[in-house]
Every structure is written in structure tokens, then in C-alpha cells.
């Protein structure tokens, strides 16, 4: 079976370059890399690589994450798909490991992510050195090697995951009713569980997450998160992203009333800036 690697990007050309460099070093090269460019300025341009690179342009405002991932899957030619966040540098053995696992399992497979500090992988880098420096995730536990079944569908993450292309479309892809940022990946994980598709965590070969600042809470996405949280609750009878919603409520930006959310006020530019923090420090 052939493996297509898929990524979506908006204005993160330096991160994309390191993702491609990681794929260049792969022990088993992918059949192709599909890049969906969400209206970057300047647009993503083609580069030389030992595998085909296909660029799909998706114009429009904001971060249409669900639509972009679906566009990448539609453009892919491989039998199996590896979705990689543009901030991720795949380890040398990731493509081979995910391909072998998908050959043996019809499942949703999440690869382990290790987080880099601000000065890591900004130029030349060595994988062994990054392995010693990077931090693991504080909540998601991966086996040292191999696979572990995870029964909590809420722990599915879209940073680095693989599945069969046909299974992706059997699940109808990401639901584009979730517009902008938030909950589209959790909804996908819940629908996979509902369809009987197991969620497996793969240890060993994974990816490095390149540093960037994050916002805690992500006030710049408040309207998207509120809208998508309401859609998710109507479908699954529970709130997603509860930590963020609690922070929005504590800060006086929203109020939850029964099954709905009232936006009391939008955050100011100063409040958004104050929410900025180091992603490395937060893991």
C-alpha cells in the first residue's frame, strides 16, 4: 500500500520547510506530500524533494481546518494517509512505522509527539539530539514501542495520525459544519469510535512539534470555539474543550446557560496579547 503524507498550512513557511526536511530524511519515503495552502501570504511554492509534492490552494478567511484536511485527502493518491500538522517534523522511522501499522490494522493511529524548545530545529538539527531535548505530552501516554489501544476518543489528536483513505471517507472526513478553529478533530474521533474504528496510540517513531507561542486560553479563536462547542454539544450531549470554556467563563467573556453559550463580550487586543504564553513551558 502507498502512503500519502498530508499537511495544511497558513503562513508558517519555516515550519513547513522543516517538515519537508524530516520527510527527506525518512527511511521509507512517502509516495507523495500533499500540502493544502490556506491562503498563505506569500503562497506556498514548490520545492525539490525525492518524492512528489502537490500543492492545493484553499482561498478564504480564517483557519478552515476541517475543509483543508478534507481537501488534502481528496487530492491524495495513496491507499493510506498520514496527516501531519505543519509544525511537526517527522522522525526518520515515522512513515515506515505508520505504514506497517496500517497494513496490519484498520484503525485510527495517533503517533507520539515530542515538544521542542524555541531554539531547537531552527537551522541544522540532528534527530538523536532532538530526542534528548524534547518533552513528551503531560496527559497522553504512549507505549515505548508498538501500539496501545486508547478507549477515550477525546484523546484523539490531529497533530500526527494515520488511517486508510477509504476509512477516512467511510467516516465522511472531517465535518465542515465545524468552521474555523476547535472541536472538529474531537468530533472526528467520536465518530470513529461510534463506527467501531479503534483508536491506537503508536509509540517509538513519532514527530517533533516545533516551537511556537500559544494562547491560554485561545482568546483569538473565542467566536469559533463557542460556535463549534455548541454544535458538538448538540450532537454528543457534552461540552468539548471544557478547559477553554471554563477559562472564557471565568474571565467574563461567556456564560453557559443550560445547553447554550451566551457571549457576554469579545476579548480586547490587550487581553489577547496577555494570553500569549510559551508552548514549550506549557507542556
Protein backbone atom coordinates (compact mmCIF):
# COMPACT_ATOMS: atom_id res chain seq x y z
CA UNK A 1 0.00 0.00 0.00
CA UNK A 2 1.19 3.53 -0.74
CA UNK A 3 1.32 6.28 1.89
CA UNK A 4 0.37 9.91 1.24
CA UNK A 5 1.51 12.49 3.79
CA UNK A 6 -0.90 15.40 4.17
CA UNK A 7 -0.39 18.78 5.81
CA UNK A 8 -2.24 22.09 5.93
CA UNK A 9 -0.53 25.44 6.32
CA UNK A 10 -1.18 29.12 6.72
CA UNK A 11 1.80 31.47 6.89
CA UNK A 12 4.22 29.03 8.53
CA UNK A 13 6.76 28.58 5.78
CA UNK A 14 9.70 27.97 8.15
CA UNK A 15 7.82 25.18 9.94
CA UNK A 16 6.78 23.67 6.60
CA UNK A 17 10.40 23.64 5.41
CA UNK A 18 11.43 21.57 8.43
CA UNK A 19 8.52 19.17 7.97
CA UNK A 20 9.71 18.59 4.39
CA UNK A 21 13.30 18.17 5.60
CA UNK A 22 12.13 15.49 8.02
CA UNK A 23 10.38 13.66 5.19
CA UNK A 24 13.55 13.91 3.08
CA UNK A 25 15.40 12.00 5.81
CA UNK A 26 12.72 9.31 6.11
CA UNK A 27 13.97 5.73 5.97
CA UNK A 28 10.87 4.95 3.90
CA UNK A 29 9.95 7.94 1.71
CA UNK A 30 6.25 8.70 1.31
CA UNK A 31 4.57 8.22 -2.04
CA UNK A 32 3.81 11.94 -2.01
CA UNK A 33 3.30 15.02 0.13
CA UNK A 34 0.04 16.93 -0.30
CA UNK A 35 0.06 20.50 1.03
CA UNK A 36 -3.15 22.49 1.38
CA UNK A 37 -2.32 26.19 1.49
CA UNK A 38 -4.99 28.10 3.41
CA UNK A 39 -4.42 31.44 1.66
CA UNK A 40 -0.88 32.00 2.92
CA UNK A 41 0.87 35.27 2.12
CA UNK A 42 3.02 34.71 0.17
CA UNK A 43 1.54 31.48 -1.26
CA UNK A 44 3.34 28.20 -0.66
CA UNK A 45 5.68 27.43 -3.56
CA UNK A 46 7.05 24.13 -4.85
CA UNK A 47 10.40 22.83 -3.62
CA UNK A 48 12.65 19.97 -4.69
CA UNK A 49 12.22 16.69 -2.84
CA UNK A 50 12.82 12.97 -3.52
CA UNK A 51 9.03 12.45 -3.61
CA UNK A 52 6.24 14.30 -5.43
CA UNK A 53 4.81 17.40 -3.75
CA UNK A 54 1.32 18.53 -4.64
CA UNK A 55 0.05 21.96 -3.53
CA UNK A 56 -3.67 22.70 -3.27
CA UNK A 57 -4.76 26.31 -2.73
CA UNK A 58 -7.75 26.90 -0.46
CA UNK A 59 -8.77 30.53 -0.51
CA UNK A 60 -10.91 32.18 2.14
CA UNK A 61 -10.61 33.82 5.55
CA UNK A 62 -9.67 32.28 8.88
CA UNK A 63 -8.49 28.73 9.52
CA UNK A 64 -10.85 26.32 7.72
CA UNK A 65 -9.22 23.29 9.34
CA UNK A 66 -11.89 20.69 8.57
CA UNK A 67 -12.26 21.80 4.95
CA UNK A 68 -8.49 21.92 4.46
CA UNK A 69 -7.91 18.40 5.78
CA UNK A 70 -10.71 17.09 3.56
CA UNK A 71 -9.21 18.88 0.56
CA UNK A 72 -5.86 17.22 1.29
CA UNK A 73 -7.49 13.78 1.47
CA UNK A 74 -9.33 14.36 -1.81
CA UNK A 75 -6.06 15.25 -3.53
CA UNK A 76 -4.18 12.24 -2.13
CA UNK A 77 -3.48 9.21 -4.29
CA UNK A 78 -2.20 6.85 -1.59
CA UNK A 79 -4.14 3.94 -0.09
CA UNK A 80 -3.17 5.15 3.37
CA UNK A 81 -2.94 8.66 4.79
CA UNK A 82 -0.64 10.26 7.35
CA UNK A 83 -1.89 13.67 8.48
CA UNK A 84 0.88 15.85 9.91
CA UNK A 85 0.44 19.25 11.50
CA UNK A 86 2.68 21.74 9.68
CA UNK A 87 4.52 22.32 12.98
CA UNK A 88 5.62 18.68 13.09
CA UNK A 89 8.97 17.26 11.99
CA UNK A 90 8.52 13.54 11.28
CA UNK A 91 11.16 11.25 12.75
CA UNK A 92 13.17 9.13 10.36
CA UNK A 93 11.11 5.99 11.04
CA UNK A 94 7.63 7.53 11.26
CA UNK A 95 6.44 6.92 7.70
CA UNK A 96 7.63 3.32 7.70
CA UNK A 97 6.15 2.60 11.13
CA UNK A 98 2.74 4.10 10.36
CA UNK A 99 2.62 2.27 7.01
CA UNK A 100 3.36 -1.07 8.72
CA UNK A 101 0.74 -0.45 11.40
CA UNK A 102 -1.89 0.48 8.82
CA UNK A 103 -1.01 -2.64 6.85
CA UNK A 104 -1.94 -4.69 9.94
CA UNK A 105 -4.78 -2.61 11.42
CA UNK A 106 -7.91 -0.87 10.15
CA UNK A 107 -7.68 1.79 12.83
CA UNK A 108 -7.16 5.43 13.68
CA UNK A 109 -3.48 5.59 14.72
CA UNK A 110 -2.03 8.56 16.60
CA UNK A 111 1.76 8.92 16.63
CA UNK A 112 3.64 10.21 19.65
CA UNK A 113 4.59 13.90 19.68
CA UNK A 114 7.58 15.39 21.47
CA UNK A 115 7.78 19.16 22.02
CA UNK A 116 10.78 21.31 21.13
CA UNK A 117 12.03 24.48 22.81
CA UNK A 118 12.34 27.82 20.97
CA UNK A 119 15.92 27.29 19.81
CA UNK A 120 15.53 23.67 18.66
CA UNK A 121 15.45 22.75 14.95
CA UNK A 122 15.71 26.34 13.79
CA UNK A 123 18.52 25.51 11.40
CA UNK A 124 20.61 22.35 11.18
CA UNK A 125 19.44 19.60 13.51
CA UNK A 126 20.18 16.02 14.45
CA UNK A 127 17.36 13.65 15.36
CA UNK A 128 19.23 11.96 18.20
CA UNK A 129 19.94 15.36 19.74
CA UNK A 130 16.29 16.42 19.45
CA UNK A 131 15.16 13.18 21.09
CA UNK A 132 17.24 14.01 24.16
CA UNK A 133 15.96 17.59 24.34
CA UNK A 134 12.27 17.24 23.50
CA UNK A 135 9.47 16.86 26.07
CA UNK A 136 6.62 14.38 25.93
CA UNK A 137 2.97 15.27 26.39
CA UNK A 138 1.85 15.52 30.05
CA UNK A 139 -1.52 13.76 29.54
CA UNK A 140 -1.33 11.44 26.54
CA UNK A 141 0.63 8.31 27.43
CA UNK A 142 2.26 6.35 24.62
CA UNK A 143 3.93 2.95 24.78
CA UNK A 144 7.71 2.87 24.47
CA UNK A 145 7.23 0.87 21.26
CA UNK A 146 4.33 -0.58 19.35
CA UNK A 147 0.65 0.09 19.81
CA UNK A 148 -1.73 0.63 22.71
CA UNK A 149 -5.49 0.86 22.36
CA UNK A 150 -6.95 4.09 23.78
CA UNK A 151 -10.62 3.95 24.74
CA UNK A 152 -11.00 7.68 25.40
CA UNK A 153 -11.94 9.10 22.00
CA UNK A 154 -11.43 12.59 23.42
CA UNK A 155 -7.69 11.95 23.40
CA UNK A 156 -7.56 11.66 19.62
CA UNK A 157 -5.36 14.39 18.21
CA UNK A 158 -4.85 15.61 14.70
CA UNK A 159 -1.16 16.55 15.01
CA UNK A 160 0.04 13.23 13.58
CA UNK A 161 -2.38 10.45 12.75
CA UNK A 162 -2.84 7.81 10.10
CA UNK A 163 -5.68 5.76 8.69
CA UNK A 164 -6.78 4.11 5.47
CA UNK A 165 -8.03 6.54 2.86
CA UNK A 166 -11.22 4.53 2.33
CA UNK A 167 -11.88 4.51 6.07
CA UNK A 168 -11.47 8.31 6.15
CA UNK A 169 -14.23 8.69 3.58
CA UNK A 170 -16.36 5.97 5.22
CA UNK A 171 -16.35 8.34 8.20
CA UNK A 172 -17.23 11.23 5.82
CA UNK A 173 -13.97 13.01 6.64
CA UNK A 174 -13.95 15.99 8.97
CA UNK A 175 -17.33 17.64 9.38
CA UNK A 176 -17.13 21.01 7.64
CA UNK A 177 -20.03 22.26 9.76
CA UNK A 178 -17.22 22.94 12.25
CA UNK A 179 -15.84 26.12 10.74
CA UNK A 180 -12.67 27.76 11.87
CA UNK A 181 -10.83 26.50 14.92
CA UNK A 182 -11.87 23.93 17.51
CA UNK A 183 -13.68 20.61 18.10
CA UNK A 184 -13.54 19.32 14.52
CA UNK A 185 -10.88 16.79 15.49
CA UNK A 186 -12.66 15.64 18.67
CA UNK A 187 -15.85 15.16 16.65
CA UNK A 188 -13.89 13.05 14.16
CA UNK A 189 -12.53 10.89 16.98
CA UNK A 190 -16.01 10.42 18.44
CA UNK A 191 -17.46 9.44 15.06
CA UNK A 192 -14.63 6.94 14.56
CA UNK A 193 -15.47 5.34 17.93
CA UNK A 194 -19.18 5.31 17.04
CA UNK A 195 -18.32 3.47 13.81
CA UNK A 196 -16.26 0.89 15.67
CA UNK A 197 -12.87 2.11 14.43
CA UNK A 198 -10.31 1.57 17.21
CA UNK A 199 -8.04 4.40 18.37
CA UNK A 200 -4.45 3.22 18.72
CA UNK A 201 -1.51 5.14 20.20
CA UNK A 202 1.79 4.33 18.50
CA UNK A 203 5.00 4.66 20.50
CA UNK A 204 8.57 4.89 19.28
CA UNK A 205 8.65 6.59 15.91
CA UNK A 206 6.73 9.84 16.06
CA UNK A 207 7.24 13.52 15.36
CA UNK A 208 8.76 16.62 16.92
CA UNK A 209 6.47 19.59 17.44
CA UNK A 210 8.25 22.80 16.51
CA UNK A 211 8.01 25.63 18.98
CA UNK A 212 5.51 28.44 18.64
CA UNK A 213 3.73 30.59 21.17
CA UNK A 214 0.23 29.58 22.17
CA UNK A 215 -2.63 31.48 23.79
CA UNK A 216 -4.08 30.19 27.04
CA UNK A 217 -6.96 30.49 26.76
CA UNK A 218 -7.05 30.92 22.96
CA UNK A 219 -8.98 34.17 23.02
CA UNK A 220 -8.21 34.92 19.37
CA UNK A 221 -10.44 31.96 18.47
CA UNK A 222 -13.21 32.61 21.01
CA UNK A 223 -16.03 33.00 18.50
CA UNK A 224 -15.02 29.87 16.57
CA UNK A 225 -14.68 27.85 19.77
CA UNK A 226 -18.05 28.96 21.12
CA UNK A 227 -19.83 28.19 17.86
CA UNK A 228 -18.16 24.80 17.42
CA UNK A 229 -18.64 23.85 21.08
CA UNK A 230 -22.38 24.43 20.72
CA UNK A 231 -22.51 22.23 17.63
CA UNK A 232 -20.53 19.49 19.38
CA UNK A 233 -22.80 19.58 22.46
CA UNK A 234 -25.93 19.37 20.32
CA UNK A 235 -24.50 16.26 18.66
CA UNK A 236 -22.82 14.47 21.58
CA UNK A 237 -24.62 15.90 24.64
CA UNK A 238 -21.38 17.03 26.26
CA UNK A 239 -19.09 20.02 26.09
CA UNK A 240 -15.75 19.75 24.30
CA UNK A 241 -12.78 21.98 25.13
CA UNK A 242 -14.07 22.36 28.68
CA UNK A 243 -10.84 23.87 29.99
CA UNK A 244 -11.07 26.69 27.46
CA UNK A 245 -14.77 27.24 28.03
CA UNK A 246 -14.22 27.36 31.80
CA UNK A 247 -11.50 29.97 31.30
CA UNK A 248 -13.72 32.02 28.98
CA UNK A 249 -16.48 31.90 31.59
CA UNK A 250 -14.19 32.77 34.50
CA UNK A 251 -12.88 35.75 32.51
CA UNK A 252 -16.39 37.04 31.94
CA UNK A 253 -16.35 36.63 28.15
CA UNK A 254 -19.08 33.96 28.04
CA UNK A 255 -21.79 32.43 30.20
CA UNK A 256 -23.12 28.89 29.82
CA UNK A 257 -26.85 28.66 30.28
CA UNK A 258 -28.18 25.11 30.15
CA UNK A 259 -27.20 23.76 26.77
CA UNK A 260 -26.19 27.09 25.26
CA UNK A 261 -23.49 29.73 25.49
CA UNK A 262 -24.02 33.48 25.62
CA UNK A 263 -21.11 35.65 24.52
CA UNK A 264 -21.03 38.48 27.05
CA UNK A 265 -18.22 40.40 25.40
CA UNK A 266 -15.36 39.85 22.99
CA UNK A 267 -11.76 39.99 24.27
CA UNK A 268 -9.76 43.14 23.67
CA UNK A 269 -6.46 43.14 21.80
CA UNK A 270 -4.69 43.69 25.12
CA UNK A 271 -6.41 40.66 26.68
CA UNK A 272 -5.44 38.51 23.70
CA UNK A 273 -1.81 39.61 23.99
CA UNK A 274 -1.84 38.86 27.71
CA UNK A 275 -2.99 35.29 26.98
CA UNK A 276 0.13 34.58 24.93
CA UNK A 277 2.47 32.07 26.53
CA UNK A 278 5.24 29.64 25.68
CA UNK A 279 4.03 26.35 24.22
CA UNK A 280 7.17 24.62 25.48
CA UNK A 281 6.65 25.81 29.04
CA UNK A 282 3.01 24.70 28.99
CA UNK A 283 3.67 21.05 28.14
